Protein backbone atom coordinates (compact mmCIF):
# COMPACT_ATOMS: atom_id res chain seq x y z
CA MET A 1 -87.45 -104.10 -8.73
CA LYS A 2 -88.98 -102.74 -11.86
CA GLN A 3 -91.30 -100.50 -12.55
CA LEU A 4 -98.04 -96.67 -17.60
CA LEU A 5 -109.84 -97.80 -25.01
CA ALA A 6 -111.89 -98.54 -27.19
CA ILE A 7 -113.20 -95.11 -28.15
CA SER A 8 -114.11 -94.09 -31.64
CA THR A 9 -111.76 -91.83 -33.58
CA ALA A 10 -114.61 -89.53 -34.49
CA ALA A 11 -115.52 -89.01 -30.84
CA LEU A 12 -111.92 -88.32 -29.93
CA LEU A 13 -111.52 -85.74 -32.63
CA THR A 14 -114.73 -84.02 -31.59
CA VAL A 15 -113.52 -83.68 -28.01
CA ALA A 16 -110.06 -82.56 -29.07
CA SER A 17 -111.52 -79.99 -31.46
CA SER A 18 -113.57 -78.41 -28.70
CA HIS A 19 -110.49 -78.31 -26.48
CA ALA A 20 -108.47 -76.70 -29.26
CA SER A 21 -110.86 -73.75 -29.36
CA ALA A 22 -110.97 -73.32 -25.58
CA ASP A 23 -108.90 -70.87 -23.58
CA TRP A 24 -107.13 -73.65 -21.68
CA PHE A 25 -104.08 -73.71 -23.93
CA THR A 26 -101.13 -71.50 -23.15
CA SER A 27 -98.93 -72.57 -26.05
CA SER A 28 -99.40 -71.65 -29.71
CA GLU A 29 -97.28 -74.71 -30.53
CA THR A 30 -99.90 -76.94 -28.92
CA LYS A 31 -102.65 -75.35 -31.00
CA ALA A 32 -100.67 -76.03 -34.18
CA LEU A 33 -100.11 -79.63 -33.08
CA ILE A 34 -103.84 -80.09 -32.47
CA SER A 35 -104.53 -79.14 -36.09
CA LYS A 36 -102.00 -81.68 -37.38
CA ALA A 37 -103.26 -84.31 -34.96
CA GLU A 38 -106.87 -83.82 -36.06
CA ALA A 39 -105.68 -84.30 -39.64
CA GLY A 40 -104.38 -87.75 -38.63
CA ASP A 41 -100.67 -87.14 -38.11
CA ALA A 42 -99.60 -89.89 -35.65
CA GLN A 43 -96.50 -88.06 -34.43
CA ALA A 44 -98.57 -84.94 -33.77
CA GLN A 45 -101.16 -87.04 -31.95
CA PHE A 46 -98.43 -88.41 -29.73
CA LYS A 47 -97.06 -84.93 -29.00
CA VAL A 48 -100.55 -83.74 -28.11
CA SER A 49 -100.81 -86.72 -25.75
CA VAL A 50 -97.59 -85.69 -24.06
CA ALA A 51 -98.83 -82.10 -23.77
CA PHE A 52 -101.91 -83.28 -21.87
CA ASP A 53 -99.98 -85.94 -19.95
CA TYR A 54 -97.37 -83.57 -18.56
CA GLY A 55 -99.22 -80.24 -18.75
CA ARG A 56 -96.85 -78.78 -21.32
CA GLY A 57 -98.84 -76.12 -23.14
CA ALA A 58 -102.17 -77.73 -22.25
CA PRO A 59 -104.03 -78.46 -19.01
CA ARG A 60 -102.79 -81.67 -17.42
CA ASP A 61 -105.46 -84.24 -18.22
CA GLY A 62 -104.62 -87.95 -18.06
CA LYS A 63 -107.89 -89.03 -19.63
CA GLU A 64 -107.44 -86.73 -22.60
CA ALA A 65 -103.82 -87.81 -22.92
CA MET A 66 -104.86 -91.45 -23.12
CA LYS A 67 -107.39 -90.67 -25.86
CA TRP A 68 -104.67 -89.20 -28.02
CA TYR A 69 -102.19 -91.93 -27.15
CA ARG A 70 -104.79 -94.42 -28.35
CA LEU A 71 -105.26 -92.59 -31.66
CA ALA A 72 -101.52 -92.66 -32.33
CA ALA A 73 -101.26 -96.25 -31.10
CA ASP A 74 -104.02 -97.36 -33.47
CA GLN A 75 -101.88 -95.96 -36.29
CA GLY A 76 -99.01 -98.20 -35.24
CA LEU A 77 -96.78 -95.72 -33.38
CA ALA A 78 -94.74 -97.88 -30.99
CA GLU A 79 -94.15 -95.14 -28.41
CA ALA A 80 -97.89 -94.52 -28.20
CA GLN A 81 -98.62 -98.24 -27.98
CA ASN A 82 -96.29 -98.48 -25.01
CA SER A 83 -97.97 -95.45 -23.44
CA VAL A 84 -101.42 -97.03 -23.80
CA GLY A 85 -100.08 -100.19 -22.19
CA SER A 86 -98.51 -98.15 -19.41
CA GLY A 87 -101.75 -96.32 -18.72
CA LEU A 88 -103.67 -99.58 -18.51
CA GLN A 89 -100.99 -101.06 -16.28
CA ALA A 90 -101.22 -98.05 -13.96
CA ASP A 91 -104.92 -98.91 -13.58
CA LYS A 92 -103.93 -102.54 -12.86
CA ARG A 93 -105.56 -103.67 -16.13
CA PHE A 94 -102.59 -105.89 -16.84
CA ALA A 95 -104.26 -108.29 -19.27
CA GLU A 96 -105.36 -105.33 -21.42
CA ALA A 97 -101.91 -103.76 -21.25
CA ARG A 98 -100.13 -106.86 -22.54
CA PRO A 99 -101.23 -106.75 -26.21
CA TRP A 100 -100.19 -103.09 -26.47
CA TYR A 101 -96.76 -103.92 -25.12
CA GLU A 102 -96.59 -106.81 -27.57
CA LYS A 103 -97.39 -104.52 -30.50
CA ALA A 104 -94.66 -102.07 -29.51
CA ALA A 105 -92.18 -104.82 -28.67
CA ALA A 106 -92.70 -106.28 -32.14
CA GLN A 107 -91.33 -102.95 -33.42
CA ARG A 108 -88.28 -103.36 -31.15
CA HIS A 109 -89.38 -100.74 -28.66
CA ALA A 110 -87.04 -101.29 -25.72
CA LEU A 111 -89.19 -100.01 -22.87
CA ALA A 112 -92.29 -101.86 -24.07
CA THR A 113 -90.23 -105.05 -24.28
CA ASN A 114 -89.06 -104.50 -20.71
CA ASN A 115 -92.61 -103.79 -19.56
CA LEU A 116 -93.87 -106.96 -21.24
CA ALA A 117 -91.12 -108.93 -19.52
CA TYR A 118 -92.21 -107.40 -16.21
CA LEU A 119 -95.74 -108.77 -16.63
CA TYR A 120 -94.43 -112.30 -17.17
CA ASP A 121 -91.80 -111.95 -14.46
CA LEU A 122 -94.37 -111.09 -11.79
CA GLY A 123 -97.37 -112.91 -13.32
CA LEU A 124 -99.46 -109.78 -13.85
CA GLY A 125 -102.38 -110.48 -16.18
CA VAL A 126 -100.61 -113.66 -17.35
CA PRO A 127 -99.45 -116.88 -15.66
CA GLN A 128 -96.10 -116.17 -14.06
CA ASP A 129 -93.28 -117.34 -16.33
CA ARG A 130 -89.87 -116.17 -15.16
CA GLN A 131 -88.08 -117.83 -18.06
CA LYS A 132 -90.18 -115.93 -20.59
CA GLY A 133 -89.67 -112.77 -18.57
CA PHE A 134 -85.92 -113.38 -18.63
CA GLU A 135 -85.91 -113.90 -22.40
CA LEU A 136 -87.82 -110.67 -22.91
CA TYR A 137 -85.50 -108.79 -20.55
CA LEU A 138 -82.61 -110.05 -22.67
CA LYS A 139 -84.26 -108.65 -25.79
CA ALA A 140 -84.78 -105.28 -24.09
CA ALA A 141 -81.19 -105.32 -22.87
CA ASP A 142 -79.96 -106.02 -26.39
CA LEU A 143 -81.90 -102.93 -27.43
CA GLY A 144 -79.89 -100.94 -24.90
CA TRP A 145 -82.47 -100.60 -22.11
CA ALA A 146 -80.56 -100.28 -18.84
CA GLU A 147 -83.46 -101.18 -16.57
CA ALA A 148 -83.80 -104.53 -18.33
CA MET A 149 -80.11 -105.15 -17.66
CA TRP A 150 -80.68 -104.52 -13.98
CA ASN A 151 -83.72 -106.80 -13.99
CA ILE A 152 -81.52 -109.58 -15.36
CA ALA A 153 -78.91 -108.87 -12.70
CA ASN A 154 -81.61 -109.05 -10.04
CA MET A 155 -82.87 -112.40 -11.35
CA TYR A 156 -79.38 -113.88 -11.18
CA GLY A 157 -78.70 -112.37 -7.77
CA ALA A 158 -82.02 -113.56 -6.33
CA GLY A 159 -81.63 -117.09 -7.67
CA GLN A 160 -84.74 -116.81 -9.85
CA LEU A 161 -83.03 -118.65 -12.71
CA GLY A 162 -81.63 -121.50 -10.63
CA GLU A 163 -78.72 -121.16 -8.24
CA LYS A 164 -77.68 -117.64 -7.31
CA ASP A 165 -74.94 -116.35 -9.58
CA LEU A 166 -73.40 -113.21 -8.13
CA VAL A 167 -70.82 -112.96 -10.91
CA LYS A 168 -73.52 -112.73 -13.59
CA ALA A 169 -75.52 -110.42 -11.33
CA CYS A 170 -72.48 -108.14 -11.06
CA ILE A 171 -71.84 -108.24 -14.81
CA TRP A 172 -75.39 -107.26 -15.69
CA ALA A 173 -75.54 -104.57 -12.99
CA TRP A 174 -72.28 -103.17 -14.37
CA ARG A 175 -73.77 -103.11 -17.85
CA ALA A 176 -76.91 -101.42 -16.57
CA ARG A 177 -74.86 -98.70 -14.91
CA ARG A 178 -73.03 -98.05 -18.19
CA PHE A 179 -76.19 -97.71 -20.25
CA THR A 180 -78.42 -95.61 -18.02
CA SER A 181 -79.50 -92.43 -19.78
CA PRO A 182 -79.20 -88.95 -18.21
CA GLU A 183 -82.96 -89.04 -17.53
CA GLN A 184 -82.63 -92.20 -15.42
CA GLU A 185 -81.03 -90.45 -12.46
CA GLN A 186 -82.79 -92.60 -9.85
CA LEU A 187 -81.64 -95.82 -11.49
CA GLN A 188 -78.10 -94.45 -11.90
CA LYS A 189 -77.81 -93.60 -8.21
CA PHE A 190 -79.19 -97.00 -7.25
CA LEU A 191 -76.68 -98.82 -9.48
CA ASP A 192 -73.83 -96.68 -8.19
CA ARG A 193 -74.60 -98.22 -4.79
CA MET A 194 -75.35 -101.74 -5.98
CA VAL A 195 -72.35 -102.46 -8.21
CA PRO A 196 -69.74 -101.96 -5.44
CA ARG A 197 -71.96 -103.96 -3.08
CA LEU A 198 -72.03 -106.88 -5.52
CA GLU A 199 -68.31 -106.60 -6.22
CA SER A 200 -67.57 -106.77 -2.49
CA GLN A 201 -69.06 -110.29 -2.42
CA LEU A 202 -66.74 -111.57 -5.14
CA THR A 203 -63.15 -112.78 -5.17
CA THR A 204 -60.51 -110.59 -6.80
CA GLU A 205 -60.60 -112.81 -9.88
CA GLN A 206 -64.39 -112.68 -10.06
CA GLN A 207 -64.35 -108.89 -9.69
CA ALA A 208 -61.95 -108.65 -12.62
CA ALA A 209 -64.26 -110.84 -14.73
CA CYS A 210 -67.24 -108.67 -13.77
CA ASP A 211 -65.45 -105.45 -14.66
CA LYS A 212 -64.20 -106.81 -17.98
CA ASP A 213 -67.44 -108.43 -19.15
CA GLY A 214 -69.50 -105.53 -17.87
CA GLY A 215 -67.26 -102.98 -19.52
CA ASP A 216 -66.72 -104.69 -22.87
CA TRP A 217 -70.29 -105.69 -23.68
CA GLN A 218 -72.42 -103.75 -26.17
CA PRO A 219 -76.12 -104.12 -27.10
CA THR A 220 -76.46 -106.16 -30.28
CA THR A 221 -79.63 -104.74 -31.82
CA GLN A 222 -80.92 -101.38 -32.91
CA GLY A 223 -84.35 -100.36 -31.72
CA SER A 224 -86.50 -97.57 -30.33
CA PRO A 225 -85.38 -96.88 -26.77
CA GLY A 226 -88.63 -95.51 -25.45
CA SER A 227 -89.22 -92.92 -22.79
CA SER A 228 -87.47 -93.41 -19.49
CA SER A 229 -90.22 -91.42 -17.76
CA GLU A 230 -92.55 -94.40 -18.10
CA ALA A 231 -90.18 -97.01 -16.73
CA HIS A 232 -90.86 -98.86 -13.50
CA PRO A 233 -88.79 -97.35 -10.71
CA PRO A 234 -85.78 -99.27 -9.44
CA PRO A 235 -85.85 -100.83 -5.99
CA THR A 236 -84.73 -98.86 -2.97
């Protein structure tokens, strides 16, 4: 349905410095970023992380990426905090991931808020609390995160908040389809199938209500959207 170290800064910088002088790098831009990152620039540290994470101008190295994510996260960069949480979650270290998501969510980072909701929704590293998960999904939805909107739709449609409510499920799925970003192609295709399927289970009047409420609604808060590449994949 939904959908990623305690190491000293000095050690990290030593490792990164040795990498910066190696022949592994193919991009002069990455070398310049390394210099800024070593000087403590959090945004540069995050960009270096991404370079290692995705092999863009540097060798693909998840461990090295996480070191730099942690440096930027320790400086309070919400996107990096979410990335640290995501990396820990990928290793099934859910209890360790949660505080990083909380830090980023406190800065209104939409994806981190959705990821935190996911932990409570499924009871990963915390006692399962669907109501808390729902409240956090609502916050992420109000920040414009489409996946959170679908997660809310799924909770209504599955009867996880009481009786099944296919009208509310349709409304939230409609909203999710409207707010998917171009990078969320998989989610978009999934919602393009799901919205008509939900509408087909409604009366003509209910369909009209779904289309109106789904089409008129707008997120109410401004926040940092986050990177769709780290979202949990939608169901198939």
